[in-house]
Amino acid sequence: MFSFLVIFLGVFLVNHFFLFFVFFELSLIPTYFLVIGGRTPERRLAGNYLILYTFLGSLPLLFRSIFILLKNSGFFLEFFQGIGQVSFLLVVSAFLIKLPIFFFHLWLPKAHVEASTEGSMVLAGILLKLGAYGLFLCSPFFYKKV
C-alpha cells in the first residue's frame, strides 16, 4: 500500500507530462498484483488483460510524450498543440481505457470479477479515477480558441 501512496502522490504532484505518464503507468504494477492475488489461472488472465489493454492504449501517449520531451517542452499546456483530432483521440485513449466506457474497458469486467475485494475496490476507487484525472488535465484542449 505504501507503493500506491508514493505512485499516486507522484501522479498528482508532478508538473511535467512525461513524469505524469510514468507515474500514471506505474500505478498498474501494484494493481496487477492486487488482481492476481489468489494465483488462480483466471486471476492471472484478468491481470494480463489489464496490462495488455492499458499498455497498448498508452503507446500513443508514450510516443507523444517522448516527442514532446525531445523538444524540451513537456508541460501540460504545450502537450496538445498542433495535434489533429484522430491523433488526439489516440493519445487520450490511454485515459479512456481506464474509465468504464464501452469498447474501451473490455478488461474491466473480467478484472472486477476475478479480483479480490481489495483489488476490486482499488480498481473502482482509485485506478478508474486516474483515467478521469488524466482527461481532466486534457480538458482545456477540448475547445478551440477563436
Protein backbone atom coordinates (compact mmCIF):
# COMPACT_ATOMS: atom_id res chain seq x y z
CA MET A 1 0.00 0.00 0.00
CA PHE A 2 2.95 2.33 0.53
CA SER A 3 3.85 1.94 -3.13
CA PHE A 4 0.32 3.06 -4.07
CA LEU A 5 0.73 6.15 -1.93
CA VAL A 6 4.07 7.10 -3.48
CA ILE A 7 2.85 6.49 -7.03
CA PHE A 8 -0.41 8.40 -6.60
CA LEU A 9 1.31 11.33 -4.94
CA GLY A 10 3.64 11.38 -7.94
CA VAL A 11 0.68 11.43 -10.33
CA PHE A 12 -0.91 14.41 -8.63
CA LEU A 13 2.20 16.43 -7.79
CA VAL A 14 4.24 16.45 -11.00
CA ASN A 15 4.05 19.32 -13.46
CA HIS A 16 5.83 17.65 -16.38
CA PHE A 17 3.74 15.49 -18.71
CA PHE A 18 6.34 12.76 -19.18
CA LEU A 19 6.67 12.29 -15.42
CA PHE A 20 2.89 12.24 -15.17
CA PHE A 21 2.83 9.47 -17.78
CA VAL A 22 5.48 7.47 -15.90
CA PHE A 23 3.61 7.64 -12.59
CA PHE A 24 0.28 7.07 -14.36
CA GLU A 25 1.54 3.80 -15.82
CA LEU A 26 3.44 2.77 -12.68
CA SER A 27 0.08 2.58 -10.93
CA LEU A 28 -0.58 -0.61 -12.90
CA ILE A 29 2.10 -2.62 -11.11
CA PRO A 30 0.55 -2.69 -7.62
CA THR A 31 -2.90 -3.04 -9.18
CA TYR A 32 -1.76 -6.06 -11.17
CA PHE A 33 -0.60 -7.77 -8.00
CA LEU A 34 -3.90 -7.00 -6.29
CA VAL A 35 -5.84 -8.53 -9.18
CA ILE A 36 -3.79 -11.74 -9.36
CA GLY A 37 -3.77 -12.12 -5.57
CA GLY A 38 -5.10 -15.69 -5.46
CA ARG A 39 -2.74 -17.09 -8.11
CA THR A 40 -5.55 -18.86 -9.95
CA PRO A 41 -5.33 -19.04 -13.76
CA GLU A 42 -8.45 -16.87 -14.14
CA ARG A 43 -6.95 -14.13 -11.99
CA ARG A 44 -3.71 -14.22 -13.96
CA LEU A 45 -5.68 -13.96 -17.19
CA ALA A 46 -7.61 -10.97 -15.83
CA GLY A 47 -4.33 -9.35 -14.76
CA ASN A 48 -2.84 -9.99 -18.18
CA TYR A 49 -5.90 -8.36 -19.81
CA LEU A 50 -5.41 -5.36 -17.55
CA ILE A 51 -1.75 -4.97 -18.51
CA LEU A 52 -2.28 -5.69 -22.21
CA TYR A 53 -5.16 -3.27 -22.76
CA THR A 54 -3.65 -0.43 -20.77
CA PHE A 55 -0.20 -0.88 -22.31
CA LEU A 56 -1.47 -0.93 -25.88
CA GLY A 57 -3.77 2.01 -25.19
CA SER A 58 -0.98 4.07 -23.71
CA LEU A 59 1.53 3.58 -26.55
CA PRO A 60 0.33 6.67 -28.50
CA LEU A 61 0.58 8.71 -25.29
CA LEU A 62 4.09 7.38 -24.72
CA PHE A 63 5.18 8.29 -28.25
CA ARG A 64 3.70 11.78 -27.93
CA SER A 65 5.38 12.21 -24.52
CA ILE A 66 8.76 11.23 -25.93
CA PHE A 67 8.27 13.56 -28.91
CA ILE A 68 7.48 16.48 -26.61
CA LEU A 69 10.30 15.52 -24.23
CA LEU A 70 12.81 15.66 -27.08
CA LYS A 71 11.61 19.19 -27.87
CA ASN A 72 12.42 20.13 -24.23
CA SER A 73 8.88 21.27 -23.56
CA GLY A 74 6.76 18.79 -21.71
CA PHE A 75 4.42 20.91 -19.70
CA PHE A 76 0.70 20.30 -19.93
CA LEU A 77 -0.11 23.49 -21.82
CA GLU A 78 2.26 22.63 -24.67
CA PHE A 79 1.40 18.95 -24.92
CA PHE A 80 -1.55 19.03 -27.31
CA GLN A 81 -0.57 21.98 -29.50
CA GLY A 82 -0.56 21.14 -33.20
CA ILE A 83 -2.18 17.73 -32.86
CA GLY A 84 -5.03 16.54 -35.11
CA GLN A 85 -8.35 15.14 -33.94
CA VAL A 86 -7.55 11.49 -34.69
CA SER A 87 -4.14 11.79 -33.06
CA PHE A 88 -5.76 13.46 -30.07
CA LEU A 89 -8.22 10.57 -29.71
CA LEU A 90 -5.37 8.06 -29.91
CA VAL A 91 -3.38 9.91 -27.28
CA VAL A 92 -6.36 10.29 -24.97
CA SER A 93 -7.19 6.58 -25.36
CA ALA A 94 -4.73 5.88 -22.54
CA PHE A 95 -7.12 7.69 -20.20
CA LEU A 96 -10.28 6.31 -21.80
CA ILE A 97 -9.14 2.72 -21.27
CA LYS A 98 -9.00 3.28 -17.52
CA LEU A 99 -12.56 4.65 -17.48
CA PRO A 100 -15.67 2.46 -17.60
CA ILE A 101 -16.52 3.42 -21.18
CA PHE A 102 -17.97 0.88 -23.60
CA PHE A 103 -15.47 -0.57 -26.07
CA PHE A 104 -12.51 0.82 -24.13
CA HIS A 105 -12.97 -1.12 -20.90
CA LEU A 106 -13.16 -4.71 -22.15
CA TRP A 107 -10.64 -5.73 -19.49
CA LEU A 108 -12.58 -4.18 -16.62
CA PRO A 109 -15.45 -6.67 -16.05
CA LYS A 110 -13.06 -9.62 -16.01
CA ALA A 111 -10.70 -7.84 -13.63
CA HIS A 112 -13.51 -6.90 -11.23
CA VAL A 113 -14.94 -10.43 -11.19
CA GLU A 114 -11.61 -12.15 -10.65
CA ALA A 115 -10.01 -9.65 -8.28
CA SER A 116 -10.23 -9.88 -4.54
CA THR A 117 -12.40 -7.42 -2.68
CA GLU A 118 -9.41 -5.17 -2.03
CA GLY A 119 -8.35 -5.33 -5.67
CA SER A 120 -11.84 -4.50 -6.88
CA MET A 121 -12.03 -1.55 -4.51
CA VAL A 122 -8.70 -0.23 -5.77
CA LEU A 123 -9.86 -0.66 -9.37
CA ALA A 124 -13.12 1.17 -8.76
CA GLY A 125 -11.91 3.72 -6.26
CA ILE A 126 -8.52 4.74 -7.50
CA LEU A 127 -7.45 3.37 -10.87
CA LEU A 128 -10.63 4.38 -12.68
CA LYS A 129 -10.38 7.85 -11.17
CA LEU A 130 -6.86 8.22 -12.55
CA GLY A 131 -8.30 7.94 -16.05
CA ALA A 132 -10.77 10.70 -15.26
CA TYR A 133 -7.98 12.83 -13.81
CA GLY A 134 -5.93 12.40 -16.99
CA LEU A 135 -8.92 13.53 -19.06
CA PHE A 136 -9.40 16.45 -16.70
CA LEU A 137 -5.82 17.53 -17.33
CA CYS A 138 -6.51 17.45 -21.06
CA SER A 139 -9.90 19.19 -20.81
CA PRO A 140 -8.75 22.72 -21.70
CA PHE A 141 -7.68 21.32 -25.04
CA PHE A 142 -11.16 20.10 -25.99
CA TYR A 143 -12.13 23.62 -27.00
CA LYS A 144 -10.66 25.54 -29.89
CA LYS A 145 -9.72 29.14 -29.36
CA VAL A 146 -11.39 31.60 -31.71
